[in-house]
Amino acid sequence: MPAPILKKFILKNQIGMQVELCEFGARILSIKVPDKNGKLIETTLNHTSDDAIYSDDAYMGATVGRVSNRISGSKFVLDGIEYQLSMNDGANSLHGGEDGFSKRIWQTKGINAAGNSLLFSLRSQDGDQGFPGEVNAEVLFSLSEENELRLDFSATSLKPTPINFCNHAYFNMGENNINELELSIQADDYLPVDEESIPLGHFVAVAGSRFDLKQSTLLGPRLALGTFDHCYRATQAKMARLTSKKNGLSLELESDQMGIQFYSGNFLQRPQSALCLEAQGYPDAMNHEALEHNILRPSEKYKKYVIFRYKHT
């Protein structure tokens, strides 16, 4: 039986910015922003067909959960109970497991009357991918007249459970690859990882290393020293800025998350044709005493936001 035709939605503002979304994975399919001359620039890398979206293995533009990034050994202990999770990255669990939130059809009542916001919701049953507790999740996409796309993530749970949502859009700012882009990340340290990309559980200062991106840095020479798939500890809400001088556009990322994962698109069909800046909690945090983590309990509500703010340079 063929997969159903995807329902797609386009948010617009008066300036001409357009954001295309779809119900599968509550994902971003496109972010088009007018340049100084009014020409629309596609700033993200996207799949070109429904079939490609359904078979996506790069989490392209998707809402990722319950827990983004990796969980070592696909297990964790919470309140004295060990939970075994879905394994989909060797022995580890990646981005919520084999059938995580990025692979679900989210519910929506459609775009609001103003044409600038859309709410997606998802119910995740107790035991989903091995995680405890029934979770009700929402993500609200809102487009402002200042060319800001805001994502508001929220969730409640009937049992204690780890929660760490993120959006996994790939940005190229209208360029063919990321070599000519400039990136800054406001962080003094980052989490080093092992050969399976599992954090070692402690932070290392970026100073004097290729990981130092506190000043706007041309990516090509930095990538020649090594690829990136690492989480930084953000020092301020305005975590990162990505700039295309060719197209005269910059993207500022703001969030109340603790960290930001910089992934240089190493495993794309065309490696480094786009990059991810994933505002999120620390990866594998529940398995490292030194790392702060998010445990959602029945009396609480998980709430995090991310803003993608576009400006002309």
Protein backbone atom coordinates (compact mmCIF):
# COMPACT_ATOMS: atom_id res chain seq x y z
CA MET A 1 0.00 0.00 0.00
CA PRO A 2 1.56 3.35 -1.03
CA ALA A 3 2.17 5.99 1.60
CA PRO A 4 -0.51 8.71 1.76
CA ILE A 5 0.14 12.03 0.03
CA LEU A 6 1.70 14.37 2.54
CA LYS A 7 -0.25 17.36 3.78
CA LYS A 8 1.91 20.45 3.39
CA PHE A 9 1.43 23.95 4.73
CA ILE A 10 3.04 27.29 3.87
CA LEU A 11 3.41 30.15 6.37
CA LYS A 12 3.97 33.62 4.91
CA ASN A 13 4.65 37.12 6.16
CA GLN A 14 4.15 40.51 4.51
CA ILE A 15 7.85 40.80 3.63
CA GLY A 16 7.74 37.67 1.45
CA MET A 17 9.38 35.07 3.68
CA GLN A 18 7.85 31.60 3.23
CA VAL A 19 8.13 28.51 5.44
CA GLU A 20 6.82 25.16 4.20
CA LEU A 21 5.94 22.51 6.79
CA CYS A 22 4.49 19.01 6.71
CA GLU A 23 2.79 16.64 9.13
CA PHE A 24 5.32 13.80 8.80
CA GLY A 25 7.77 14.48 11.59
CA ALA A 26 6.32 17.99 12.10
CA ARG A 27 9.12 19.01 9.81
CA ILE A 28 10.40 22.04 7.98
CA LEU A 29 10.44 21.42 4.23
CA SER A 30 11.64 24.83 3.12
CA ILE A 31 12.59 28.28 4.41
CA LYS A 32 12.71 30.91 1.70
CA VAL A 33 13.86 34.42 2.55
CA PRO A 34 13.98 37.47 0.27
CA ASP A 35 17.43 38.94 -0.28
CA LYS A 36 18.09 42.70 -0.44
CA ASN A 37 16.70 42.76 -3.98
CA GLY A 38 13.56 40.81 -3.08
CA LYS A 39 14.69 37.56 -4.71
CA LEU A 40 13.62 34.52 -2.68
CA ILE A 41 16.60 32.49 -1.45
CA GLU A 42 16.06 28.89 -0.33
CA THR A 43 18.14 28.69 2.86
CA THR A 44 17.70 25.00 3.70
CA LEU A 45 18.51 21.65 2.10
CA ASN A 46 15.41 19.54 1.55
CA HIS A 47 14.05 16.38 -0.01
CA THR A 48 12.36 16.87 -3.38
CA SER A 49 9.58 14.26 -3.23
CA ASP A 50 7.12 12.70 -0.79
CA ASP A 51 8.83 9.34 -1.19
CA ALA A 52 12.16 10.87 -0.21
CA ILE A 53 10.59 12.53 2.83
CA TYR A 54 8.99 9.27 3.98
CA SER A 55 12.26 7.35 3.52
CA ASP A 56 14.38 10.11 5.06
CA ASP A 57 17.28 8.87 7.18
CA ALA A 58 18.89 12.28 7.76
CA TYR A 59 16.11 13.71 10.00
CA MET A 60 15.94 16.55 7.48
CA GLY A 61 13.95 19.41 8.99
CA ALA A 62 12.24 17.09 11.46
CA THR A 63 11.07 17.55 15.02
CA VAL A 64 13.19 15.03 16.93
CA GLY A 65 12.10 13.27 20.14
CA ARG A 66 11.50 12.00 22.70
CA VAL A 67 15.22 12.44 23.15
CA SER A 68 17.38 13.97 20.44
CA ASN A 69 20.96 12.89 19.82
CA ARG A 70 22.46 9.65 21.16
CA ILE A 71 21.82 7.52 24.25
CA SER A 72 24.71 5.15 24.87
CA GLY A 73 23.92 1.44 24.99
CA SER A 74 20.26 2.34 24.32
CA LYS A 75 19.56 2.32 28.05
CA PHE A 76 19.35 4.58 31.07
CA VAL A 77 18.34 4.38 34.73
CA LEU A 78 15.60 6.64 36.10
CA ASP A 79 14.37 6.50 39.71
CA GLY A 80 16.13 3.16 40.16
CA ILE A 81 14.57 1.51 37.11
CA GLU A 82 16.62 0.60 34.02
CA TYR A 83 14.93 1.18 30.66
CA GLN A 84 15.97 -0.54 27.45
CA LEU A 85 15.41 1.55 24.34
CA SER A 86 15.10 0.96 20.60
CA MET A 87 18.56 0.53 19.05
CA ASN A 88 19.04 2.27 15.70
CA ASP A 89 22.65 3.50 15.75
CA GLY A 90 24.71 0.38 16.37
CA ALA A 91 24.21 -0.44 20.02
CA ASN A 92 22.99 3.09 20.71
CA SER A 93 19.67 4.91 20.40
CA LEU A 94 19.67 7.93 18.10
CA HIS A 95 17.07 10.73 17.92
CA GLY A 96 14.33 8.85 19.77
CA GLY A 97 14.84 5.36 18.37
CA GLU A 98 13.88 3.45 15.25
CA ASP A 99 10.38 4.92 15.19
CA GLY A 100 10.95 8.26 16.89
CA PHE A 101 8.87 11.42 16.61
CA SER A 102 10.52 12.31 13.28
CA LYS A 103 8.77 9.32 11.67
CA ARG A 104 5.26 9.99 12.97
CA ILE A 105 2.28 11.72 11.43
CA TRP A 106 1.58 14.67 13.72
CA GLN A 107 -1.94 16.06 14.08
CA THR A 108 -2.86 19.63 13.14
CA LYS A 109 -5.95 21.74 12.65
CA GLY A 110 -4.13 23.75 9.99
CA ILE A 111 -2.73 27.23 9.62
CA ASN A 112 -4.25 30.05 11.66
CA ALA A 113 -6.41 32.74 10.05
CA ALA A 114 -3.47 35.15 9.74
CA GLY A 115 -1.51 32.54 7.78
CA ASN A 116 1.55 32.79 10.01
CA SER A 117 1.37 29.97 12.56
CA LEU A 118 0.70 26.25 12.76
CA LEU A 119 0.40 23.91 15.74
CA PHE A 120 1.32 20.20 15.53
CA SER A 121 0.49 17.70 18.28
CA LEU A 122 1.45 14.08 18.93
CA ARG A 123 0.51 11.45 21.51
CA SER A 124 3.26 8.99 22.41
CA GLN A 125 2.10 5.95 24.36
CA ASP A 126 3.69 4.57 27.54
CA GLY A 127 6.62 2.36 26.51
CA ASP A 128 7.04 4.02 23.10
CA GLN A 129 10.54 3.03 21.86
CA GLY A 130 11.17 1.88 25.44
CA PHE A 131 10.55 5.24 27.11
CA PRO A 132 8.26 5.37 30.15
CA GLY A 133 5.04 7.37 30.38
CA GLU A 134 2.39 8.56 27.96
CA VAL A 135 3.60 11.86 26.52
CA ASN A 136 1.53 14.52 24.80
CA ALA A 137 3.81 16.73 22.72
CA GLU A 138 3.24 19.93 20.76
CA VAL A 139 5.33 22.16 18.52
CA LEU A 140 4.05 25.57 17.44
CA PHE A 141 5.63 27.20 14.38
CA SER A 142 5.17 30.99 14.20
CA LEU A 143 6.47 33.37 11.52
CA SER A 144 6.86 37.05 12.42
CA GLU A 145 7.00 40.18 10.28
CA GLU A 146 10.65 40.52 11.34
CA ASN A 147 11.62 37.33 9.45
CA GLU A 148 11.76 35.24 12.61
CA LEU A 149 10.60 31.63 12.59
CA ARG A 150 9.88 30.62 16.19
CA LEU A 151 9.39 27.04 17.35
CA ASP A 152 7.75 26.48 20.74
CA PHE A 153 8.12 22.90 22.00
CA SER A 154 5.99 21.64 24.90
CA ALA A 155 5.11 18.30 26.48
CA THR A 156 3.46 16.65 29.46
CA SER A 157 3.91 13.08 30.70
CA LEU A 158 1.98 10.70 32.95
CA LYS A 159 5.25 9.18 34.27
CA PRO A 160 8.78 10.52 34.78
CA THR A 161 10.61 10.38 31.43
CA PRO A 162 13.59 12.07 29.77
CA ILE A 163 12.66 14.73 27.21
CA ASN A 164 14.97 16.56 24.81
CA PHE A 165 13.33 17.92 21.66
CA CYS A 166 15.11 19.67 18.81
CA ASN A 167 14.58 20.65 15.20
CA HIS A 168 16.98 19.11 12.69
CA ALA A 169 16.88 21.54 9.74
CA TYR A 170 19.86 21.60 7.39
CA PHE A 171 21.02 25.09 6.40
CA ASN A 172 23.07 26.14 3.38
CA MET A 173 21.89 29.77 3.09
CA GLY A 174 21.39 29.32 -0.65
CA GLU A 175 24.92 28.07 -1.38
CA ASN A 176 25.99 24.77 -2.94
CA ASN A 177 28.01 23.74 0.13
CA ILE A 178 29.01 25.14 3.49
CA ASN A 179 32.67 25.95 2.72
CA GLU A 180 32.05 29.64 2.02
CA LEU A 181 29.67 30.14 4.93
CA GLU A 182 30.80 31.88 8.10
CA LEU A 183 29.73 30.54 11.49
CA SER A 184 30.01 31.73 15.06
CA ILE A 185 28.92 29.77 18.15
CA GLN A 186 28.82 31.48 21.54
CA ALA A 187 30.37 28.77 23.68
CA ASP A 188 33.52 28.44 25.75
CA ASP A 189 33.55 24.65 25.75
CA TYR A 190 32.16 21.55 24.06
CA LEU A 191 31.59 17.84 24.69
CA PRO A 192 34.29 15.59 23.21
CA VAL A 193 33.03 12.23 21.90
CA ASP A 194 34.29 8.70 21.35
CA GLU A 195 34.44 6.80 18.04
CA GLU A 196 30.67 6.17 18.22
CA SER A 197 29.95 9.89 18.74
CA ILE A 198 29.01 9.27 22.38
CA PRO A 199 30.01 12.14 24.72
CA LEU A 200 32.80 11.34 27.16
CA GLY A 201 30.80 13.13 29.86
CA HIS A 202 32.95 16.19 30.46
CA PHE A 203 33.50 19.55 28.78
CA VAL A 204 36.71 20.73 27.13
CA ALA A 205 37.62 24.36 26.48
CA VAL A 206 37.45 25.44 22.85
CA ALA A 207 40.31 27.93 23.22
CA GLY A 208 43.25 27.15 20.96
CA SER A 209 41.42 24.34 19.13
CA ARG A 210 39.54 23.92 15.86
CA PHE A 211 36.33 23.95 17.93
CA ASP A 212 36.74 27.64 18.78
CA LEU A 213 34.01 29.40 16.78
CA LYS A 214 33.38 32.32 19.12
CA GLN A 215 34.36 34.71 16.32
CA SER A 216 32.76 34.48 12.88
CA THR A 217 34.80 31.82 11.08
CA LEU A 218 35.01 30.78 7.43
CA LEU A 219 34.10 27.10 7.48
CA GLY A 220 36.15 25.74 4.58
CA PRO A 221 39.58 26.01 6.26
CA ARG A 222 38.14 24.82 9.58
CA LEU A 223 36.54 21.75 7.97
CA ALA A 224 39.89 20.89 6.41
CA LEU A 225 41.05 20.21 9.98
CA GLY A 226 38.16 17.82 10.73
CA THR A 227 34.40 17.40 10.62
CA PHE A 228 31.94 18.38 13.34
CA ASP A 229 29.17 16.51 15.14
CA HIS A 230 29.61 17.96 18.62
CA CYS A 231 27.52 19.66 21.28
CA TYR A 232 28.60 23.04 22.63
CA ARG A 233 27.60 24.54 25.99
CA ALA A 234 26.00 27.83 25.02
CA THR A 235 26.93 30.93 27.00
CA GLN A 236 23.96 33.03 25.87
CA ALA A 237 20.51 32.69 24.34
CA LYS A 238 21.73 34.03 20.99
CA MET A 239 23.78 30.91 20.42
CA ALA A 240 24.96 31.04 16.84
CA ARG A 241 25.10 33.06 13.63
CA LEU A 242 25.49 31.65 10.12
CA THR A 243 26.27 34.03 7.24
CA SER A 244 26.37 33.84 3.47
CA LYS A 245 28.26 36.85 2.16
CA LYS A 246 27.42 35.75 -1.38
CA ASN A 247 23.68 36.10 -0.75
CA GLY A 248 23.90 38.87 1.85
CA LEU A 249 21.93 36.85 4.42
CA SER A 250 22.62 35.82 7.98
CA LEU A 251 20.77 33.44 10.29
CA GLU A 252 20.82 33.97 14.03
CA LEU A 253 19.75 31.10 16.25
CA GLU A 254 18.30 31.89 19.67
CA SER A 255 17.07 29.37 22.24
CA ASP A 256 16.66 28.65 25.94
CA GLN A 257 18.19 25.19 25.49
CA MET A 258 21.45 24.37 27.28
CA GLY A 259 23.45 23.29 24.26
CA ILE A 260 23.79 23.48 20.52
CA GLN A 261 24.89 20.59 18.32
CA PHE A 262 26.93 21.62 15.30
CA TYR A 263 26.77 18.89 12.65
CA SER A 264 28.65 19.58 9.42
CA GLY A 265 26.52 17.26 7.25
CA ASN A 266 29.20 14.59 7.00
CA PHE A 267 26.83 11.77 5.99
CA LEU A 268 24.66 13.60 3.49
CA GLN A 269 24.52 12.30 -0.07
CA ARG A 270 26.72 15.29 -0.89
CA PRO A 271 28.77 15.62 2.30
CA GLN A 272 28.84 19.13 3.77
CA SER A 273 26.26 20.44 1.33
CA ALA A 274 24.45 21.82 4.41
CA LEU A 275 24.85 21.91 8.19
CA CYS A 276 22.71 21.58 11.31
CA LEU A 277 22.58 23.88 14.31
CA GLU A 278 20.45 21.89 16.75
CA ALA A 279 19.50 23.73 19.93
CA GLN A 280 19.04 20.92 22.45
CA GLY A 281 19.92 19.52 25.85
CA TYR A 282 23.19 17.65 26.30
CA PRO A 283 23.42 14.27 24.54
CA ASP A 284 23.44 11.09 26.64
CA ALA A 285 23.07 13.33 29.69
CA MET A 286 21.11 10.79 31.74
CA ASN A 287 24.12 8.44 31.60
CA HIS A 288 26.63 11.03 32.88
CA GLU A 289 26.41 12.43 36.38
CA ALA A 290 28.24 15.62 35.39
CA LEU A 291 25.74 16.58 32.67
CA GLU A 292 22.51 18.40 33.44
CA HIS A 293 19.49 16.72 31.87
CA ASN A 294 15.73 17.14 31.44
CA ILE A 295 13.46 14.71 33.29
CA LEU A 296 9.80 15.52 32.76
CA ARG A 297 7.58 14.55 35.70
CA PRO A 298 3.77 14.34 35.82
CA SER A 299 3.37 17.62 37.72
CA GLU A 300 5.50 19.55 35.24
CA LYS A 301 5.39 20.86 31.68
CA TYR A 302 8.36 20.78 29.32
CA LYS A 303 8.72 24.09 27.46
CA LYS A 304 11.56 25.16 25.17
CA TYR A 305 11.82 27.55 22.27
CA VAL A 306 14.04 28.10 19.23
CA ILE A 307 14.11 31.16 16.98
CA PHE A 308 15.62 31.20 13.49
CA ARG A 309 16.10 34.93 12.83
CA TYR A 310 17.06 36.06 9.32
CA LYS A 311 18.74 39.38 8.56
CA HIS A 312 20.35 41.10 5.60
CA THR A 313 24.10 41.66 5.96
